[in-house]
N, C-alpha and C. Protein backbone atom coordinates (compact mmCIF):
# COMPACT_ATOMS: atom_id res chain seq x y z
N MET A 1 -0.89 56.98 -4.72
CA MET A 1 -1.45 58.01 -3.87
C MET A 1 -0.76 59.35 -4.09
N LEU A 2 0.56 59.33 -4.22
CA LEU A 2 1.29 60.60 -4.35
C LEU A 2 0.92 61.38 -5.60
N GLN A 3 0.49 60.69 -6.65
CA GLN A 3 0.09 61.42 -7.85
C GLN A 3 -1.12 62.30 -7.58
N LEU A 4 -1.90 61.99 -6.54
CA LEU A 4 -3.04 62.84 -6.18
C LEU A 4 -2.59 64.19 -5.64
N PHE A 5 -1.33 64.28 -5.17
CA PHE A 5 -0.80 65.52 -4.61
C PHE A 5 -0.24 66.45 -5.67
N GLU A 6 0.01 65.94 -6.86
CA GLU A 6 0.64 66.74 -7.90
C GLU A 6 -0.20 67.97 -8.24
N ASN A 7 0.50 69.08 -8.41
CA ASN A 7 -0.13 70.35 -8.79
C ASN A 7 -1.17 70.84 -7.79
N LYS A 8 -1.01 70.47 -6.53
CA LYS A 8 -1.92 70.92 -5.47
C LYS A 8 -1.14 71.82 -4.51
N ASP A 9 -1.76 72.93 -4.11
CA ASP A 9 -1.13 73.80 -3.12
C ASP A 9 -1.36 73.28 -1.71
N VAL A 10 -2.53 72.70 -1.48
CA VAL A 10 -2.89 72.20 -0.15
C VAL A 10 -3.57 70.85 -0.31
N VAL A 11 -3.15 69.89 0.50
CA VAL A 11 -3.80 68.59 0.57
C VAL A 11 -4.07 68.32 2.04
N ILE A 12 -5.31 68.04 2.37
CA ILE A 12 -5.68 67.74 3.75
C ILE A 12 -6.04 66.27 3.84
N ILE A 13 -5.38 65.59 4.77
CA ILE A 13 -5.65 64.17 5.00
C ILE A 13 -6.03 64.01 6.46
N GLY A 14 -7.19 63.48 6.70
CA GLY A 14 -7.63 63.21 8.07
C GLY A 14 -7.27 61.79 8.46
N GLU A 15 -7.23 61.55 9.75
CA GLU A 15 -6.95 60.21 10.24
C GLU A 15 -7.78 59.94 11.49
N THR A 16 -7.84 58.70 11.86
CA THR A 16 -8.60 58.30 13.04
C THR A 16 -7.64 58.07 14.20
N HIS A 17 -7.90 58.70 15.32
CA HIS A 17 -7.04 58.55 16.49
C HIS A 17 -7.04 57.11 16.98
N ARG A 18 -5.92 56.74 17.58
CA ARG A 18 -5.75 55.44 18.23
C ARG A 18 -5.81 54.28 17.23
N ARG A 19 -5.44 54.54 16.00
CA ARG A 19 -5.42 53.49 14.97
C ARG A 19 -3.99 53.41 14.44
N PRO A 20 -3.28 52.33 14.73
CA PRO A 20 -1.89 52.21 14.25
C PRO A 20 -1.75 52.38 12.75
N GLU A 21 -2.75 51.94 11.99
CA GLU A 21 -2.64 52.07 10.53
C GLU A 21 -2.66 53.53 10.09
N SER A 22 -3.29 54.40 10.89
CA SER A 22 -3.27 55.84 10.56
C SER A 22 -1.86 56.39 10.66
N THR A 23 -1.18 56.05 11.73
CA THR A 23 0.20 56.51 11.93
C THR A 23 1.10 55.97 10.82
N LYS A 24 0.96 54.71 10.50
CA LYS A 24 1.78 54.11 9.44
C LYS A 24 1.50 54.78 8.09
N PHE A 25 0.24 55.05 7.81
CA PHE A 25 -0.12 55.68 6.54
C PHE A 25 0.52 57.06 6.42
N VAL A 26 0.38 57.87 7.46
CA VAL A 26 0.95 59.22 7.41
C VAL A 26 2.47 59.15 7.31
N THR A 27 3.09 58.31 8.12
CA THR A 27 4.55 58.18 8.11
C THR A 27 5.05 57.75 6.73
N ASN A 28 4.43 56.74 6.18
CA ASN A 28 4.86 56.24 4.86
C ASN A 28 4.60 57.25 3.76
N THR A 29 3.46 57.92 3.80
CA THR A 29 3.13 58.91 2.78
C THR A 29 4.10 60.08 2.81
N VAL A 30 4.41 60.57 4.01
CA VAL A 30 5.36 61.68 4.15
C VAL A 30 6.74 61.25 3.65
N ALA A 31 7.19 60.06 4.04
CA ALA A 31 8.51 59.58 3.62
C ALA A 31 8.60 59.49 2.10
N GLU A 32 7.59 58.94 1.47
CA GLU A 32 7.59 58.82 0.01
C GLU A 32 7.57 60.19 -0.66
N TYR A 33 6.77 61.10 -0.13
CA TYR A 33 6.68 62.45 -0.70
C TYR A 33 8.03 63.15 -0.64
N LEU A 34 8.71 63.03 0.50
CA LEU A 34 9.99 63.72 0.68
C LEU A 34 11.08 63.15 -0.21
N LYS A 35 10.95 61.91 -0.63
CA LYS A 35 11.94 61.33 -1.55
C LYS A 35 12.00 62.10 -2.86
N GLY A 36 10.92 62.78 -3.20
CA GLY A 36 10.88 63.58 -4.42
C GLY A 36 11.57 64.93 -4.28
N GLY A 37 12.12 65.22 -3.09
CA GLY A 37 12.84 66.46 -2.87
C GLY A 37 11.96 67.69 -2.76
N LYS A 38 10.69 67.48 -2.49
CA LYS A 38 9.76 68.60 -2.39
C LYS A 38 9.61 69.07 -0.95
N CYS A 39 9.09 70.27 -0.80
CA CYS A 39 8.83 70.85 0.51
C CYS A 39 7.49 70.33 1.02
N LEU A 40 7.41 70.09 2.32
CA LEU A 40 6.19 69.57 2.91
C LEU A 40 5.96 70.21 4.27
N ILE A 41 4.75 70.61 4.51
CA ILE A 41 4.35 71.12 5.82
C ILE A 41 3.27 70.19 6.34
N VAL A 42 3.46 69.71 7.57
CA VAL A 42 2.49 68.81 8.18
C VAL A 42 1.89 69.52 9.39
N GLY A 43 0.57 69.59 9.44
CA GLY A 43 -0.12 70.16 10.59
C GLY A 43 -0.47 69.05 11.56
N LEU A 44 -0.25 69.31 12.83
CA LEU A 44 -0.55 68.33 13.86
C LEU A 44 -1.58 68.86 14.83
N GLU A 45 -2.37 67.98 15.36
CA GLU A 45 -3.35 68.34 16.38
C GLU A 45 -2.67 68.16 17.74
N ILE A 46 -2.30 69.29 18.34
CA ILE A 46 -1.61 69.28 19.63
C ILE A 46 -2.38 70.21 20.56
N PRO A 47 -2.64 69.77 21.80
CA PRO A 47 -3.42 70.59 22.73
C PRO A 47 -2.78 71.96 22.97
N SER A 48 -3.61 72.97 23.21
CA SER A 48 -3.12 74.34 23.36
C SER A 48 -2.17 74.50 24.54
N HIS A 49 -2.30 73.66 25.57
CA HIS A 49 -1.39 73.81 26.71
C HIS A 49 0.05 73.41 26.34
N GLN A 50 0.24 72.82 25.17
CA GLN A 50 1.57 72.46 24.69
C GLN A 50 2.23 73.59 23.90
N GLN A 51 1.52 74.70 23.68
CA GLN A 51 2.04 75.80 22.87
C GLN A 51 3.38 76.33 23.38
N PRO A 52 3.56 76.55 24.69
CA PRO A 52 4.87 77.02 25.16
C PRO A 52 6.01 76.05 24.82
N VAL A 53 5.73 74.76 24.88
CA VAL A 53 6.74 73.76 24.54
C VAL A 53 7.10 73.87 23.06
N LEU A 54 6.08 74.02 22.21
CA LEU A 54 6.33 74.17 20.77
C LEU A 54 7.17 75.40 20.48
N GLU A 55 6.82 76.51 21.12
CA GLU A 55 7.56 77.75 20.88
C GLU A 55 9.02 77.61 21.29
N ARG A 56 9.27 76.99 22.44
CA ARG A 56 10.65 76.80 22.89
C ARG A 56 11.40 75.84 21.96
N ALA A 57 10.70 74.83 21.47
CA ALA A 57 11.33 73.88 20.54
C ALA A 57 11.71 74.57 19.24
N PHE A 58 10.83 75.42 18.71
CA PHE A 58 11.13 76.12 17.46
C PHE A 58 12.29 77.10 17.64
N LEU A 59 12.47 77.61 18.84
CA LEU A 59 13.59 78.51 19.12
C LEU A 59 14.88 77.74 19.38
N GLY A 60 14.78 76.42 19.48
CA GLY A 60 15.95 75.59 19.74
C GLY A 60 16.29 75.47 21.20
N VAL A 61 15.42 75.97 22.08
CA VAL A 61 15.66 75.90 23.52
C VAL A 61 15.36 74.50 24.05
N TRP A 62 14.27 73.91 23.58
CA TRP A 62 13.87 72.56 23.99
C TRP A 62 13.80 71.67 22.77
N ARG A 63 13.91 70.37 23.02
CA ARG A 63 13.75 69.38 21.95
C ARG A 63 12.27 69.05 21.78
N LEU A 64 11.89 68.68 20.57
CA LEU A 64 10.49 68.34 20.30
C LEU A 64 10.00 67.14 21.10
N ASN A 65 10.89 66.31 21.60
CA ASN A 65 10.45 65.15 22.37
C ASN A 65 9.87 65.55 23.73
N ARG A 66 9.91 66.84 24.06
CA ARG A 66 9.27 67.31 25.29
C ARG A 66 7.78 67.50 25.12
N ILE A 67 7.29 67.42 23.89
CA ILE A 67 5.85 67.52 23.65
C ILE A 67 5.21 66.23 24.09
N SER A 68 4.22 66.32 24.94
CA SER A 68 3.54 65.10 25.39
C SER A 68 2.32 64.87 24.52
N ILE A 69 2.12 63.61 24.17
CA ILE A 69 0.98 63.23 23.34
C ILE A 69 -0.03 62.52 24.23
N SER A 70 -1.23 63.03 24.25
CA SER A 70 -2.29 62.48 25.08
C SER A 70 -2.56 61.03 24.72
N SER A 71 -2.85 60.23 25.72
CA SER A 71 -3.16 58.82 25.47
C SER A 71 -4.43 58.68 24.65
N SER A 72 -5.29 59.70 24.65
CA SER A 72 -6.52 59.62 23.86
C SER A 72 -6.26 59.80 22.38
N THR A 73 -5.09 60.35 22.01
CA THR A 73 -4.77 60.52 20.60
C THR A 73 -3.63 59.64 20.15
N SER A 74 -2.92 59.07 21.09
CA SER A 74 -1.76 58.25 20.76
C SER A 74 -2.19 56.88 20.25
N CYS A 75 -1.41 56.34 19.32
CA CYS A 75 -1.70 55.01 18.79
C CYS A 75 -1.14 53.94 19.70
């Protein structure tokens, strides 16, 4: 799978909510990609009301575990 990412600036992978195999796939794919020492940016679908939490987390004021994940999207 990782060879599909070679020489690509952007790769978009969709997943199905509430499917444990989706979470495992993304987690395993990211872990394998990072073993190559490359830079990776992952976009997440997070509700807009969580934006203040994200901003505080990026500033180091809050930890990312303060972000709540809706049960409708959680595996």
